[in-house]
């Protein structure tokens, strides 16, 4: 919920159409540059996605195992040492990771405690994740907005789709059935009713897809730093309420936030998904690095880290 002091406007209830849409279009290039900057920190340390399997690129030699078809033996390499070797190719199959950046009106909120809005931070993270995934050989899609692609110019495609999107900006992803080998990354403030949140997450996971829930919040939404006479405005529907002593609401407000998060966490735990809380006064790179370590940890082993925990055959020269 956005808030403003009666005698000094702290946050404007923003309409996400007309001028606001043009403002976003002007902001997108800066967000892409920031996304590429933080993505580089992950890509620099990315160890690759190598695994034996169908493909055209050579990966490694390994010793022949009794019972394997003789046609798999690389006779030229084996003749050098008198030991039978099998030539393995790098696995080149890609999976789809679906991203959902919440672009609803509530995401425009920015208090004086943060340097950027929840929307800006959400788009930076979504762009950076897309950049890292495509670099790792995966495909990225956005439900109802962008079909899965592994194109190197994925950020331009992503941004263009957002700028020209004329549909209603929903807080939660639309109903669709990602494949069981897919992975979901849902970035939102998740201030929607808990019944709608749980229903959406349950539906997305019904095919067996693994996922990650990221709640992006402004620090003021956690600490509730308001006192005195305050008018609170809901940016989604424009409804407002004026409070005489806002500080009297702080304890109950924070308790409700904790209950809401506990219910989200209970649902993600039930589904085997991950849940991360990120404040916009923290570095975006911090969230990206944490998300990167968690992706691919699901039961299907999909995502950019899906092979990091698998035992690897001994590499031979």
Protein backbone atom coordinates (compact mmCIF):
# COMPACT_ATOMS: atom_id res chain seq x y z
CA UNK A 1 0.00 0.00 0.00
CA UNK A 2 1.41 3.39 -0.90
CA UNK A 3 1.47 6.10 1.75
CA UNK A 4 1.81 9.86 1.98
CA UNK A 5 1.94 12.44 4.77
CA UNK A 6 -0.96 14.88 4.72
CA UNK A 7 1.24 18.01 4.69
CA UNK A 8 3.97 16.60 2.43
CA UNK A 9 3.44 14.08 -0.33
CA UNK A 10 5.92 11.21 0.11
CA UNK A 11 4.57 8.82 -2.50
CA UNK A 12 2.13 9.53 -5.30
CA UNK A 13 -0.53 7.03 -6.22
CA UNK A 14 0.63 6.38 -9.78
CA UNK A 15 -1.54 5.37 -12.71
CA UNK A 16 0.26 2.89 -14.96
CA UNK A 17 -0.97 4.28 -18.27
CA UNK A 18 -0.35 7.24 -20.51
CA UNK A 19 2.55 9.29 -19.17
CA UNK A 20 3.68 6.57 -16.74
CA UNK A 21 4.02 4.09 -19.59
CA UNK A 22 6.12 6.58 -21.55
CA UNK A 23 8.28 7.14 -18.48
CA UNK A 24 8.89 3.41 -18.24
CA UNK A 25 9.84 3.27 -21.91
CA UNK A 26 12.40 6.01 -21.30
CA UNK A 27 13.72 4.17 -18.23
CA UNK A 28 14.13 0.77 -19.88
CA UNK A 29 17.57 1.45 -21.46
CA UNK A 30 19.01 2.41 -18.06
CA UNK A 31 17.50 -0.70 -16.47
CA UNK A 32 18.99 -2.92 -19.18
CA UNK A 33 22.45 -1.44 -18.64
CA UNK A 34 22.15 -2.01 -14.89
CA UNK A 35 20.92 -5.56 -15.48
CA UNK A 36 23.87 -6.35 -17.75
CA UNK A 37 26.26 -4.92 -15.19
CA UNK A 38 25.07 -7.13 -12.34
CA UNK A 39 24.61 -10.15 -14.65
CA UNK A 40 28.30 -9.89 -15.52
CA UNK A 41 29.19 -10.60 -11.89
CA UNK A 42 27.43 -13.97 -12.15
CA UNK A 43 28.48 -14.81 -15.69
CA UNK A 44 32.12 -14.17 -14.80
CA UNK A 45 31.98 -16.96 -12.23
CA UNK A 46 29.76 -19.30 -14.21
CA UNK A 47 31.42 -22.67 -14.62
CA UNK A 48 29.33 -23.65 -17.58
CA UNK A 49 26.67 -26.25 -18.08
CA UNK A 50 28.78 -29.14 -19.30
CA UNK A 51 27.37 -32.62 -19.12
CA UNK A 52 27.74 -35.69 -21.30
CA UNK A 53 24.93 -36.18 -23.80
CA UNK A 54 23.79 -35.60 -27.37
CA UNK A 55 25.53 -32.69 -29.03
CA UNK A 56 28.20 -31.70 -31.52
CA UNK A 57 30.86 -30.19 -29.25
CA UNK A 58 33.62 -32.37 -27.79
CA UNK A 59 33.66 -32.45 -24.02
CA UNK A 60 36.07 -35.11 -22.72
CA UNK A 61 37.50 -38.60 -22.98
CA UNK A 62 36.69 -41.20 -20.35
CA UNK A 63 37.62 -44.82 -19.90
CA UNK A 64 35.54 -47.44 -21.63
CA UNK A 65 33.23 -49.33 -19.28
CA UNK A 66 32.67 -53.05 -19.79
CA UNK A 67 29.27 -53.68 -21.34
CA UNK A 68 29.17 -50.53 -23.45
CA UNK A 69 28.77 -50.86 -27.25
CA UNK A 70 32.16 -51.15 -28.95
CA UNK A 71 31.14 -48.46 -31.47
CA UNK A 72 31.54 -45.86 -28.71
CA UNK A 73 35.29 -46.48 -28.43
CA UNK A 74 37.55 -43.80 -29.89
CA UNK A 75 40.15 -46.13 -31.43
CA UNK A 76 42.62 -43.40 -32.42
CA UNK A 77 42.78 -42.00 -28.89
CA UNK A 78 42.84 -45.49 -27.36
CA UNK A 79 45.81 -46.52 -29.53
CA UNK A 80 48.01 -43.85 -27.93
CA UNK A 81 47.93 -45.38 -24.43
CA UNK A 82 46.76 -48.90 -25.08
CA UNK A 83 43.65 -48.16 -22.99
CA UNK A 84 40.12 -48.01 -24.35
CA UNK A 85 38.63 -44.51 -24.29
CA UNK A 86 35.16 -43.22 -25.12
CA UNK A 87 34.80 -39.75 -26.67
CA UNK A 88 31.97 -37.81 -25.04
CA UNK A 89 30.14 -34.84 -26.47
CA UNK A 90 28.73 -31.95 -24.44
CA UNK A 91 25.01 -32.11 -23.76
CA UNK A 92 23.34 -29.26 -25.65
CA UNK A 93 19.68 -29.61 -24.82
CA UNK A 94 18.21 -26.47 -23.24
CA UNK A 95 15.32 -25.99 -20.88
CA UNK A 96 12.88 -23.14 -20.50
CA UNK A 97 12.87 -20.79 -17.54
CA UNK A 98 9.73 -18.69 -17.28
CA UNK A 99 10.09 -15.23 -15.72
CA UNK A 100 7.26 -13.17 -14.29
CA UNK A 101 8.08 -9.57 -13.31
CA UNK A 102 5.13 -7.95 -11.55
CA UNK A 103 4.38 -4.65 -13.33
CA UNK A 104 1.14 -3.81 -11.53
CA UNK A 105 0.56 -0.27 -10.14
CA UNK A 106 1.65 -1.18 -6.60
CA UNK A 107 5.17 -1.84 -7.91
CA UNK A 108 5.68 1.84 -8.74
CA UNK A 109 5.92 2.65 -5.02
CA UNK A 110 9.19 4.16 -3.79
CA UNK A 111 9.72 5.69 -0.37
CA UNK A 112 12.46 8.09 0.66
CA UNK A 113 14.31 5.10 2.13
CA UNK A 114 15.05 3.61 -1.31
CA UNK A 115 16.79 4.91 -4.42
CA UNK A 116 14.51 3.14 -6.90
CA UNK A 117 10.99 1.81 -7.12
CA UNK A 118 9.99 -1.80 -6.70
CA UNK A 119 9.17 -1.86 -10.41
CA UNK A 120 12.64 -0.70 -11.46
CA UNK A 121 14.29 -3.27 -9.19
CA UNK A 122 11.99 -6.05 -10.41
CA UNK A 123 12.75 -5.33 -14.06
CA UNK A 124 16.49 -5.12 -13.41
CA UNK A 125 16.42 -8.53 -11.73
CA UNK A 126 14.26 -10.06 -14.47
CA UNK A 127 16.54 -8.68 -17.19
CA UNK A 128 19.68 -9.84 -15.38
CA UNK A 129 18.30 -13.35 -14.85
CA UNK A 130 17.39 -13.54 -18.54
CA UNK A 131 20.90 -12.45 -19.51
CA UNK A 132 22.56 -15.05 -17.27
CA UNK A 133 20.25 -17.85 -18.42
CA UNK A 134 20.70 -17.23 -22.12
CA UNK A 135 24.47 -17.01 -21.62
CA UNK A 136 24.25 -20.44 -19.94
CA UNK A 137 22.39 -21.87 -22.94
CA UNK A 138 18.85 -21.81 -21.58
CA UNK A 139 15.68 -20.43 -23.08
CA UNK A 140 13.71 -17.67 -21.38
CA UNK A 141 10.03 -16.84 -21.70
CA UNK A 142 7.48 -14.55 -20.07
CA UNK A 143 3.93 -15.95 -19.74
CA UNK A 144 1.55 -14.16 -22.07
CA UNK A 145 4.26 -11.74 -23.21
CA UNK A 146 7.32 -13.43 -24.69
CA UNK A 147 7.67 -16.90 -26.19
CA UNK A 148 10.70 -18.90 -24.99
CA UNK A 149 13.87 -17.78 -26.71
CA UNK A 150 17.57 -18.39 -26.41
CA UNK A 151 18.45 -15.37 -28.52
CA UNK A 152 21.48 -13.34 -27.48
CA UNK A 153 19.39 -10.17 -27.82
CA UNK A 154 16.84 -11.51 -25.33
CA UNK A 155 16.87 -8.26 -23.33
CA UNK A 156 15.89 -6.20 -26.35
CA UNK A 157 13.06 -8.65 -27.11
CA UNK A 158 11.99 -8.64 -23.46
CA UNK A 159 12.00 -4.84 -23.18
CA UNK A 160 10.20 -4.37 -26.49
CA UNK A 161 7.46 -6.76 -25.40
CA UNK A 162 6.99 -4.82 -22.14
CA UNK A 163 6.89 -1.41 -23.80
CA UNK A 164 4.25 -2.51 -26.33
CA UNK A 165 2.16 -4.55 -23.88
CA UNK A 166 -1.33 -3.07 -23.74
CA UNK A 167 -2.90 -5.68 -21.47
CA UNK A 168 -3.82 -5.11 -17.84
CA UNK A 169 -0.78 -5.26 -15.55
CA UNK A 170 -1.62 -8.20 -13.29
CA UNK A 171 0.24 -8.83 -10.04
CA UNK A 172 0.41 -12.58 -10.53
CA UNK A 173 1.20 -14.71 -13.61
CA UNK A 174 -1.68 -15.80 -15.85
CA UNK A 175 -2.91 -19.35 -15.68
CA UNK A 176 -0.78 -21.60 -17.89
CA UNK A 177 0.89 -25.00 -17.67
CA UNK A 178 4.69 -24.89 -17.80
CA UNK A 179 6.28 -28.22 -18.64
CA UNK A 180 7.60 -30.38 -15.84
CA UNK A 181 11.15 -29.63 -17.00
CA UNK A 182 10.61 -25.88 -16.80
CA UNK A 183 11.54 -23.54 -14.01
CA UNK A 184 9.59 -20.48 -12.80
CA UNK A 185 10.90 -17.24 -11.35
CA UNK A 186 8.10 -15.05 -10.01
CA UNK A 187 9.15 -11.56 -8.88
CA UNK A 188 6.45 -9.51 -7.15
CA UNK A 189 5.65 -7.67 -3.94
CA UNK A 190 3.05 -10.40 -3.30
CA UNK A 191 0.66 -8.07 -1.53
CA UNK A 192 -2.21 -9.82 -3.31
CA UNK A 193 -4.66 -11.79 -1.12
CA UNK A 194 -2.99 -14.93 0.16
CA UNK A 195 -5.69 -17.13 -1.37
CA UNK A 196 -4.85 -15.77 -4.84
CA UNK A 197 -1.10 -16.19 -4.23
CA UNK A 198 -1.44 -19.82 -3.09
CA UNK A 199 -3.83 -20.68 -5.92
CA UNK A 200 -1.45 -19.24 -8.52
CA UNK A 201 1.64 -21.00 -7.16
CA UNK A 202 -0.21 -24.30 -6.85
CA UNK A 203 -1.42 -24.05 -10.45
CA UNK A 204 2.04 -23.22 -11.78
CA UNK A 205 3.57 -26.20 -10.00
CA UNK A 206 0.83 -28.67 -10.97
CA UNK A 207 2.89 -30.03 -13.88
CA UNK A 208 5.92 -30.60 -11.69
CA UNK A 209 7.77 -27.40 -12.63
CA UNK A 210 10.15 -26.10 -9.99
CA UNK A 211 10.07 -22.44 -9.05
CA UNK A 212 11.36 -19.48 -7.11
CA UNK A 213 9.24 -16.83 -5.40
CA UNK A 214 10.92 -13.46 -4.86
CA UNK A 215 9.14 -10.83 -2.81
CA UNK A 216 10.48 -7.37 -3.64
CA UNK A 217 9.55 -4.77 -1.02
CA UNK A 218 10.36 -1.18 -0.21
CA UNK A 219 12.03 -0.76 3.21
CA UNK A 220 9.12 1.43 4.31
CA UNK A 221 6.75 -1.47 3.70
CA UNK A 222 8.65 -3.48 6.30
CA UNK A 223 9.54 -0.88 8.90
CA UNK A 224 6.39 1.29 8.66
CA UNK A 225 8.27 4.51 9.56
CA UNK A 226 5.15 6.70 9.60
CA UNK A 227 3.83 8.80 12.44
CA UNK A 228 1.25 11.51 12.88
CA UNK A 229 -1.57 12.16 10.46
CA UNK A 230 -1.09 10.05 7.31
CA UNK A 231 -3.21 9.32 4.29
CA UNK A 232 -2.67 5.81 2.92
CA UNK A 233 -3.56 5.30 -0.74
CA UNK A 234 -4.02 2.00 -2.52
CA UNK A 235 -2.39 2.43 -5.98
CA UNK A 236 -4.36 -0.50 -7.38
CA UNK A 237 -7.86 0.93 -6.89
CA UNK A 238 -7.26 4.47 -5.60
CA UNK A 239 -9.02 3.88 -2.26
CA UNK A 240 -7.57 5.82 0.66
CA UNK A 241 -7.77 5.99 4.42
CA UNK A 242 -6.55 8.77 6.74
CA UNK A 243 -5.07 7.88 10.11
CA UNK A 244 -4.59 10.34 12.98
CA UNK A 245 -1.71 8.52 14.71
CA UNK A 246 -0.03 6.21 12.20
CA UNK A 247 2.58 5.03 14.72
CA UNK A 248 -0.20 3.27 16.64
CA UNK A 249 -0.65 0.94 13.65
CA UNK A 250 3.00 -0.14 13.42
CA UNK A 251 2.96 -3.22 15.64
CA UNK A 252 -0.22 -4.69 14.18
CA UNK A 253 0.93 -3.86 10.65
CA UNK A 254 4.25 -5.68 11.09
CA UNK A 255 2.47 -8.66 12.64
CA UNK A 256 0.17 -8.90 9.60
CA UNK A 257 3.17 -8.73 7.27
CA UNK A 258 4.80 -11.63 9.11
CA UNK A 259 1.63 -13.71 8.98
CA UNK A 260 1.25 -13.07 5.26
CA UNK A 261 4.85 -14.11 4.60
CA UNK A 262 4.55 -17.17 6.80
CA UNK A 263 1.63 -18.36 4.68
CA UNK A 264 3.57 -17.78 1.46
CA UNK A 265 6.56 -19.65 2.86
CA UNK A 266 4.34 -22.53 3.97
CA UNK A 267 2.99 -22.83 0.43
CA UNK A 268 6.41 -22.67 -1.24
CA UNK A 269 7.73 -25.26 1.24
CA UNK A 270 4.80 -27.52 0.40
CA UNK A 271 5.52 -27.20 -3.32
CA UNK A 272 9.30 -27.56 -2.95
CA UNK A 273 9.85 -24.02 -4.27
CA UNK A 274 12.19 -21.41 -2.84
CA UNK A 275 11.15 -18.12 -1.21
CA UNK A 276 13.39 -15.02 -1.05
CA UNK A 277 12.60 -11.61 0.45
CA UNK A 278 14.47 -8.69 -1.12
CA UNK A 279 14.41 -5.04 -0.07
CA UNK A 280 15.05 -2.30 -2.58
CA UNK A 281 17.60 -0.64 -0.30
CA UNK A 282 19.82 -3.71 -0.78
CA UNK A 283 22.04 -4.24 -3.87
CA UNK A 284 20.35 -5.98 -6.81
CA UNK A 285 23.51 -8.07 -7.29
CA UNK A 286 22.96 -9.57 -3.85
CA UNK A 287 19.61 -11.00 -4.93
CA UNK A 288 20.89 -12.20 -8.30
CA UNK A 289 23.78 -14.11 -6.74
CA UNK A 290 21.49 -15.76 -4.21
CA UNK A 291 18.95 -16.70 -6.85
CA UNK A 292 21.70 -18.08 -9.08
CA UNK A 293 22.82 -20.49 -6.35
CA UNK A 294 19.27 -21.75 -5.87
CA UNK A 295 18.23 -22.24 -9.47
CA UNK A 296 18.32 -25.81 -10.64
CA UNK A 297 18.01 -27.20 -7.12
CA UNK A 298 14.55 -28.68 -7.71
CA UNK A 299 13.61 -32.34 -7.97
CA UNK A 300 13.93 -32.29 -11.76
CA UNK A 301 17.38 -30.71 -11.69
CA UNK A 302 16.56 -28.07 -14.29
CA UNK A 303 18.10 -24.63 -14.45
CA UNK A 304 21.56 -23.15 -14.69
CA UNK A 305 22.95 -25.14 -11.75
CA UNK A 306 21.24 -28.40 -12.54
CA UNK A 307 24.45 -30.37 -12.95
CA UNK A 308 26.71 -28.70 -10.43
CA UNK A 309 26.01 -31.31 -7.77
CA UNK A 310 26.30 -34.33 -10.09
CA UNK A 311 29.45 -36.47 -9.96
CA UNK A 312 31.58 -35.87 -13.04
CA UNK A 313 33.73 -38.50 -14.83
CA UNK A 314 37.47 -38.08 -14.59
CA UNK A 315 38.66 -35.74 -17.33
CA UNK A 316 41.36 -37.14 -19.60
CA UNK A 317 43.76 -35.30 -21.86
